[in-house]
Amino acid sequence: MINNDPDFFLSQYEDPIVIDEAQLSVKLFSALRVRIDQRRKRNGQFLLSGSSSPELLKEVADSLAGRVGIYELGPLLISEQLV
């Protein structure tokens, strides 16, 4: 659904929007740039998660330069599991 019309997809939800596996939709990043620029002073509009790769990080850096913070998280440890 996101790949077909990312602008329409984003318009269907209110902030904050959480998108997992964002790397699967390259078209999403240009749509995010437009949406973020429309409300530039509003932080925390989107939380994107997914697997990173050098190609994905380049796409994010190019498309969302100055609009994104990247946090690298390690894998969940067995000792961190909730019981």
N, C-alpha and C. Protein backbone atom coordinates (compact mmCIF):
# COMPACT_ATOMS: atom_id res chain seq x y z
N MET A 1 0.82 -1.20 0.00
CA MET A 1 0.00 0.00 0.00
C MET A 1 0.86 1.27 0.00
N ILE A 2 1.90 1.29 0.80
CA ILE A 2 2.76 2.48 0.85
C ILE A 2 3.41 2.72 -0.51
N ASN A 3 3.89 1.66 -1.16
CA ASN A 3 4.57 1.83 -2.44
C ASN A 3 3.65 2.36 -3.53
N ASN A 4 2.38 2.02 -3.47
CA ASN A 4 1.44 2.48 -4.51
C ASN A 4 1.23 3.99 -4.46
N ASP A 5 1.06 4.54 -3.26
CA ASP A 5 0.80 5.97 -3.10
C ASP A 5 1.20 6.40 -1.69
N PRO A 6 2.50 6.67 -1.47
CA PRO A 6 2.96 7.01 -0.13
C PRO A 6 2.32 8.29 0.42
N ASP A 7 2.01 9.26 -0.43
CA ASP A 7 1.37 10.48 0.05
C ASP A 7 -0.02 10.19 0.61
N PHE A 8 -0.78 9.38 -0.11
CA PHE A 8 -2.11 8.99 0.37
C PHE A 8 -2.00 8.21 1.68
N PHE A 9 -1.07 7.28 1.73
CA PHE A 9 -0.88 6.49 2.95
C PHE A 9 -0.64 7.39 4.15
N LEU A 10 0.28 8.34 4.02
CA LEU A 10 0.62 9.23 5.14
C LEU A 10 -0.56 10.13 5.51
N SER A 11 -1.38 10.48 4.56
CA SER A 11 -2.51 11.37 4.84
C SER A 11 -3.62 10.68 5.64
N GLN A 12 -3.58 9.37 5.72
CA GLN A 12 -4.64 8.61 6.40
C GLN A 12 -4.45 8.54 7.92
N TYR A 13 -3.29 8.97 8.42
CA TYR A 13 -2.98 8.79 9.84
C TYR A 13 -2.54 10.11 10.47
N GLU A 14 -2.77 10.22 11.77
CA GLU A 14 -2.31 11.38 12.52
C GLU A 14 -0.96 11.06 13.15
N ASP A 15 -0.21 12.10 13.46
CA ASP A 15 1.10 11.94 14.10
C ASP A 15 0.93 11.45 15.52
N PRO A 16 1.87 10.75 16.02
CA PRO A 16 3.04 10.20 15.34
C PRO A 16 2.69 8.92 14.59
N ILE A 17 3.39 8.71 13.51
CA ILE A 17 3.20 7.51 12.70
C ILE A 17 4.43 6.63 12.85
N VAL A 18 4.22 5.37 13.18
CA VAL A 18 5.31 4.41 13.32
C VAL A 18 5.27 3.49 12.10
N ILE A 19 6.41 3.39 11.42
CA ILE A 19 6.50 2.54 10.23
C ILE A 19 7.67 1.59 10.42
N ASP A 20 7.35 0.30 10.49
CA ASP A 20 8.39 -0.72 10.63
C ASP A 20 8.79 -1.21 9.24
N GLU A 21 10.02 -1.67 9.14
CA GLU A 21 10.57 -2.16 7.87
C GLU A 21 10.49 -1.09 6.78
N ALA A 22 10.82 0.13 7.15
CA ALA A 22 10.75 1.27 6.23
C ALA A 22 11.65 1.09 5.01
N GLN A 23 12.69 0.30 5.15
CA GLN A 23 13.61 0.11 4.03
C GLN A 23 12.94 -0.58 2.85
N LEU A 24 11.78 -1.18 3.05
CA LEU A 24 11.09 -1.87 1.97
C LEU A 24 10.33 -0.91 1.05
N SER A 25 10.27 0.36 1.41
CA SER A 25 9.54 1.34 0.60
C SER A 25 10.41 2.57 0.33
N VAL A 26 11.19 2.49 -0.71
CA VAL A 26 12.09 3.60 -1.04
C VAL A 26 11.29 4.86 -1.40
N LYS A 27 10.11 4.71 -2.01
CA LYS A 27 9.29 5.87 -2.37
C LYS A 27 8.82 6.64 -1.13
N LEU A 28 8.80 5.97 -0.01
CA LEU A 28 8.32 6.59 1.22
C LEU A 28 9.16 7.80 1.61
N PHE A 29 10.45 7.76 1.40
CA PHE A 29 11.33 8.81 1.90
C PHE A 29 11.08 10.17 1.27
N SER A 30 10.80 10.21 -0.02
CA SER A 30 10.50 11.51 -0.64
C SER A 30 9.15 12.04 -0.15
N ALA A 31 8.19 11.15 0.09
CA ALA A 31 6.89 11.59 0.63
C ALA A 31 7.06 12.10 2.06
N LEU A 32 7.91 11.46 2.82
CA LEU A 32 8.18 11.93 4.19
C LEU A 32 8.80 13.32 4.17
N ARG A 33 9.72 13.55 3.26
CA ARG A 33 10.37 14.86 3.17
C ARG A 33 9.34 15.96 2.97
N VAL A 34 8.40 15.75 2.07
CA VAL A 34 7.36 16.74 1.80
C VAL A 34 6.51 16.96 3.04
N ARG A 35 6.08 15.88 3.67
CA ARG A 35 5.21 15.98 4.85
C ARG A 35 5.93 16.66 6.02
N ILE A 36 7.19 16.33 6.22
CA ILE A 36 7.96 16.96 7.30
C ILE A 36 8.12 18.45 7.03
N ASP A 37 8.41 18.82 5.79
CA ASP A 37 8.60 20.23 5.46
C ASP A 37 7.33 21.04 5.62
N GLN A 38 6.18 20.42 5.48
CA GLN A 38 4.92 21.13 5.68
C GLN A 38 4.73 21.55 7.14
N ARG A 39 5.31 20.78 8.05
CA ARG A 39 5.18 21.08 9.48
C ARG A 39 6.57 20.99 10.13
N ARG A 40 7.46 21.82 9.64
CA ARG A 40 8.88 21.74 9.99
C ARG A 40 9.15 21.88 11.49
N LYS A 41 8.36 22.67 12.20
CA LYS A 41 8.63 22.91 13.62
C LYS A 41 8.12 21.79 14.52
N ARG A 42 7.45 20.83 13.96
CA ARG A 42 6.86 19.74 14.74
C ARG A 42 7.81 18.54 14.76
N ASN A 43 8.40 18.27 15.91
CA ASN A 43 9.31 17.13 16.05
C ASN A 43 8.53 15.85 16.34
N GLY A 44 9.13 14.72 16.02
CA GLY A 44 8.56 13.43 16.37
C GLY A 44 7.35 13.02 15.56
N GLN A 45 7.27 13.46 14.32
CA GLN A 45 6.12 13.11 13.49
C GLN A 45 6.14 11.63 13.08
N PHE A 46 7.33 11.08 12.92
CA PHE A 46 7.47 9.72 12.41
C PHE A 46 8.54 8.97 13.17
N LEU A 47 8.31 7.68 13.34
CA LEU A 47 9.33 6.77 13.87
C LEU A 47 9.45 5.66 12.84
N LEU A 48 10.61 5.57 12.23
CA LEU A 48 10.87 4.56 11.22
C LEU A 48 11.82 3.53 11.82
N SER A 49 11.51 2.28 11.60
CA SER A 49 12.43 1.24 12.05
C SER A 49 12.60 0.23 10.93
N GLY A 50 13.65 -0.54 11.05
CA GLY A 50 13.89 -1.57 10.05
C GLY A 50 15.36 -1.89 9.97
N SER A 51 15.67 -2.79 9.10
CA SER A 51 17.05 -3.20 8.90
C SER A 51 17.77 -2.12 8.12
N SER A 52 18.98 -1.86 8.51
CA SER A 52 19.73 -0.85 7.79
C SER A 52 20.75 -1.51 6.87
N SER A 53 21.06 -0.81 5.84
CA SER A 53 22.08 -1.22 4.90
C SER A 53 22.75 0.06 4.42
N PRO A 54 23.94 -0.04 3.87
CA PRO A 54 24.58 1.18 3.36
C PRO A 54 23.72 1.91 2.34
N GLU A 55 22.99 1.17 1.51
CA GLU A 55 22.14 1.80 0.50
C GLU A 55 20.98 2.55 1.16
N LEU A 56 20.38 1.94 2.18
CA LEU A 56 19.27 2.58 2.88
C LEU A 56 19.74 3.83 3.60
N LEU A 57 20.85 3.75 4.30
CA LEU A 57 21.35 4.92 5.02
C LEU A 57 21.69 6.05 4.06
N LYS A 58 22.20 5.72 2.86
CA LYS A 58 22.47 6.77 1.88
C LYS A 58 21.16 7.40 1.42
N GLU A 59 20.14 6.59 1.17
CA GLU A 59 18.84 7.10 0.73
C GLU A 59 18.24 8.01 1.80
N VAL A 60 18.30 7.60 3.04
CA VAL A 60 17.77 8.42 4.14
C VAL A 60 18.56 9.71 4.24
N ALA A 61 19.88 9.62 4.19
CA ALA A 61 20.72 10.81 4.31
C ALA A 61 20.46 11.78 3.16
N ASP A 62 20.26 11.27 1.95
CA ASP A 62 20.01 12.13 0.80
C ASP A 62 18.60 12.72 0.84
N SER A 63 17.60 11.90 1.10
CA SER A 63 16.21 12.34 1.05
C SER A 63 15.80 13.17 2.25
N LEU A 64 16.31 12.83 3.42
CA LEU A 64 15.84 13.46 4.65
C LEU A 64 16.95 14.23 5.37
N ALA A 65 17.92 14.73 4.63
CA ALA A 65 19.02 15.48 5.24
C ALA A 65 18.49 16.63 6.07
N GLY A 66 18.96 16.74 7.30
CA GLY A 66 18.54 17.80 8.20
C GLY A 66 17.17 17.58 8.82
N ARG A 67 16.55 16.45 8.54
CA ARG A 67 15.20 16.17 9.03
C ARG A 67 15.13 14.90 9.86
N VAL A 68 16.25 14.22 10.04
CA VAL A 68 16.21 12.88 10.63
C VAL A 68 17.34 12.69 11.64
N GLY A 69 17.06 11.90 12.65
CA GLY A 69 18.07 11.44 13.59
C GLY A 69 18.14 9.93 13.47
N ILE A 70 19.32 9.38 13.42
CA ILE A 70 19.49 7.94 13.25
C ILE A 70 20.09 7.37 14.54
N TYR A 71 19.43 6.35 15.06
CA TYR A 71 19.89 5.66 16.25
C TYR A 71 20.09 4.20 15.89
N GLU A 72 21.31 3.72 16.13
CA GLU A 72 21.59 2.31 15.88
C GLU A 72 21.41 1.54 17.17
N LEU A 73 20.57 0.53 17.11
CA LEU A 73 20.29 -0.28 18.28
C LEU A 73 20.87 -1.67 18.07
N GLY A 74 21.45 -2.21 19.12
CA GLY A 74 21.95 -3.58 19.06
C GLY A 74 20.80 -4.55 19.21
N PRO A 75 21.10 -5.82 19.04
CA PRO A 75 20.04 -6.82 19.20
C PRO A 75 19.59 -6.92 20.65
N LEU A 76 18.37 -7.37 20.83
CA LEU A 76 17.83 -7.58 22.16
C LEU A 76 18.55 -8.76 22.80
N LEU A 77 19.00 -8.58 24.02
CA LEU A 77 19.68 -9.64 24.74
C LEU A 77 18.67 -10.51 25.48
N ILE A 78 19.00 -11.75 25.70
CA ILE A 78 18.10 -12.66 26.40
C ILE A 78 17.82 -12.13 27.81
N SER A 79 18.79 -11.46 28.42
CA SER A 79 18.60 -10.92 29.76
C SER A 79 17.64 -9.74 29.78
N GLU A 80 17.33 -9.17 28.63
CA GLU A 80 16.41 -8.05 28.53
C GLU A 80 14.97 -8.49 28.27
N GLN A 81 14.76 -9.77 28.12
CA GLN A 81 13.44 -10.31 27.84
C GLN A 81 12.52 -10.10 29.04
N LEU A 82 11.31 -9.66 28.76
CA LEU A 82 10.32 -9.49 29.82
C LEU A 82 9.74 -10.86 30.18
N VAL A 83 9.55 -11.06 31.42
CA VAL A 83 9.01 -12.35 31.88
C VAL A 83 7.53 -12.24 32.09
